[in-house]
Protein backbone atom coordinates (compact mmCIF):
# COMPACT_ATOMS: atom_id res chain seq x y z
CA MET A 1 63.56 82.66 10.29
CA ALA A 2 65.31 85.72 11.72
CA LYS A 3 69.02 86.17 11.05
CA ARG A 4 71.35 86.17 14.03
CA GLY A 5 74.12 88.71 14.36
CA ILE A 6 77.76 87.75 14.13
CA THR A 7 78.71 85.75 17.22
CA GLY A 8 81.02 82.96 18.22
CA GLU A 9 84.67 82.16 18.55
CA GLU A 10 85.78 84.20 15.53
CA LEU A 11 84.30 87.42 16.88
CA LEU A 12 85.54 86.71 20.41
CA SER A 13 89.04 86.03 19.11
CA ALA A 14 89.07 89.26 17.08
CA MET A 15 87.87 91.29 20.08
CA LYS A 16 90.54 89.77 22.34
CA ARG A 17 93.29 90.48 19.78
CA LEU A 18 92.08 94.05 19.39
CA TRP A 19 91.95 94.65 23.16
CA ALA A 20 95.47 93.18 23.55
CA ASP A 21 96.88 95.45 20.81
CA SER A 22 99.44 97.95 22.13
CA GLY A 23 97.95 100.78 20.07
CA VAL A 24 94.51 100.16 21.52
CA GLN A 25 96.01 100.04 25.02
CA ASP A 26 97.80 103.35 24.37
CA CYS A 27 94.48 104.88 23.27
CA PHE A 28 92.75 103.47 26.33
CA ALA A 29 95.40 105.03 28.59
CA ARG A 30 94.26 108.41 27.23
CA SER A 31 90.53 107.66 27.49
CA ASN A 32 89.94 110.72 29.66
CA GLU A 33 90.45 112.71 26.45
CA TYR A 34 87.43 111.21 24.69
CA GLN A 35 84.04 109.77 25.53
CA LEU A 36 84.76 106.16 26.54
CA ASN A 37 82.34 104.47 28.90
CA ASP A 38 83.98 104.08 32.34
CA SER A 39 83.02 100.38 32.40
CA ALA A 40 84.76 99.53 29.13
CA LYS A 41 87.87 98.08 30.81
CA TYR A 42 85.76 95.92 33.13
CA PHE A 43 84.00 94.26 30.20
CA LEU A 44 86.97 94.14 27.81
CA ASP A 45 89.19 92.53 30.47
CA ASP A 46 86.62 89.74 30.83
CA LEU A 47 85.83 88.90 27.19
CA GLU A 48 86.41 85.17 27.71
CA ARG A 49 83.63 84.93 30.29
CA LEU A 50 81.33 87.27 28.38
CA GLY A 51 81.82 85.23 25.20
CA GLU A 52 80.75 81.92 26.72
CA ALA A 53 77.61 80.41 25.18
CA SER A 54 76.19 79.96 28.69
CA TYR A 55 76.94 83.56 29.74
CA GLN A 56 74.56 84.99 32.32
CA PRO A 57 75.17 88.56 33.53
CA THR A 58 76.41 88.83 37.09
CA GLU A 59 75.16 91.46 39.50
CA GLN A 60 78.40 93.38 38.86
CA ASP A 61 77.85 93.18 35.08
CA ILE A 62 74.41 94.71 35.52
CA LEU A 63 75.65 97.42 37.88
CA ARG A 64 78.40 98.41 35.45
CA THR A 65 76.12 98.86 32.45
CA ARG A 66 75.44 102.45 31.50
CA VAL A 67 72.74 104.27 29.64
CA LYS A 68 73.33 107.92 28.83
CA THR A 69 70.84 110.06 30.75
CA THR A 70 68.83 112.49 28.69
CA GLY A 71 66.06 114.53 30.17
CA ILE A 72 65.09 113.98 33.80
CA VAL A 73 64.24 110.66 35.41
CA GLU A 74 62.29 111.02 38.66
CA VAL A 75 62.02 108.22 41.24
CA HIS A 76 59.91 108.41 44.41
CA PHE A 77 60.72 106.28 47.46
CA THR A 78 60.18 106.19 51.22
CA PHE A 79 62.85 105.49 53.82
CA LYS A 80 62.19 105.50 57.57
CA ASN A 81 58.84 107.26 57.07
CA LEU A 82 60.42 110.02 54.98
CA ASN A 83 59.37 110.59 51.38
CA PHE A 84 62.14 111.20 48.87
CA LYS A 85 62.24 112.27 45.25
CA LEU A 86 65.38 111.31 43.37
CA PHE A 87 66.15 113.12 40.12
CA ASP A 88 68.65 111.70 37.66
CA VAL A 89 69.48 114.53 35.30
CA GLY A 90 71.49 114.62 32.10
CA GLY A 91 74.77 116.45 32.62
CA GLN A 92 75.15 117.86 29.13
CA ARG A 93 74.89 121.64 28.88
CA SER A 94 71.80 121.37 26.70
CA GLU A 95 70.05 119.37 29.45
CA ARG A 96 70.80 121.76 32.33
CA LYS A 97 68.04 124.26 31.55
CA LYS A 98 65.52 121.48 32.25
CA TRP A 99 66.65 121.18 35.89
CA ILE A 100 65.10 124.34 37.35
CA HIS A 101 61.68 122.88 38.11
CA CYS A 102 63.36 120.09 40.10
CA PHE A 103 64.27 122.62 42.80
CA GLU A 104 60.74 123.70 43.74
CA ASP A 105 60.00 123.01 47.44
CA VAL A 106 63.45 121.45 47.94
CA THR A 107 64.81 121.22 51.49
CA ALA A 108 68.05 119.36 50.72
CA ILE A 109 70.22 118.46 47.76
CA ILE A 110 72.64 115.55 47.55
CA PHE A 111 74.93 115.90 44.56
CA CYS A 112 76.59 112.65 43.45
CA VAL A 113 79.44 112.42 40.99
CA ALA A 114 81.79 109.68 39.89
CA MET A 115 85.24 110.16 41.44
CA SER A 116 86.70 108.46 38.36
CA GLU A 117 85.48 111.28 36.11
CA TYR A 118 87.44 114.20 37.61
CA ASP A 119 89.53 114.56 34.43
CA GLN A 120 86.82 113.84 31.85
CA VAL A 121 86.11 116.36 29.11
CA LEU A 122 82.61 117.51 28.22
CA HIS A 123 80.93 115.57 25.43
CA GLU A 124 79.92 118.78 23.66
CA ASP A 125 83.23 120.61 24.25
CA GLU A 126 86.24 118.33 24.37
CA THR A 127 88.53 121.13 25.63
CA THR A 128 86.64 121.78 28.88
CA ILE A 129 87.30 119.44 31.79
CA VAL A 130 84.05 118.56 33.58
CA ALA A 131 85.43 119.25 37.08
CA LYS A 132 86.29 122.83 36.08
CA GLN A 133 82.69 123.64 35.06
């Protein structure tokens, strides 16, 4: 029989106490200075619901999950008889050199960024603000 990880009321209670701690809240208030997922507050504010035995992720829970992009993810789709290629590229400096081939035969570029990340520092250089790159 496989062992289960630590779960239950004890873990939920510890997580709630930790999130309510004033020191943790002070650190969170400065989260633009380190690499904290932008959805952390959403999930930590809702620990009671997430800790229920019958928990099922909501659409919002799914939309707020994050996976760090490395490399290039290419998606093809058609909209109103137009073919599109969408490239999700890793933003780290080491990933940028991989982008060049994405621009072959390009007629338009739509650059999307998170407005909430204007004051975030680079993962690889915590003194450089991303927006100033």
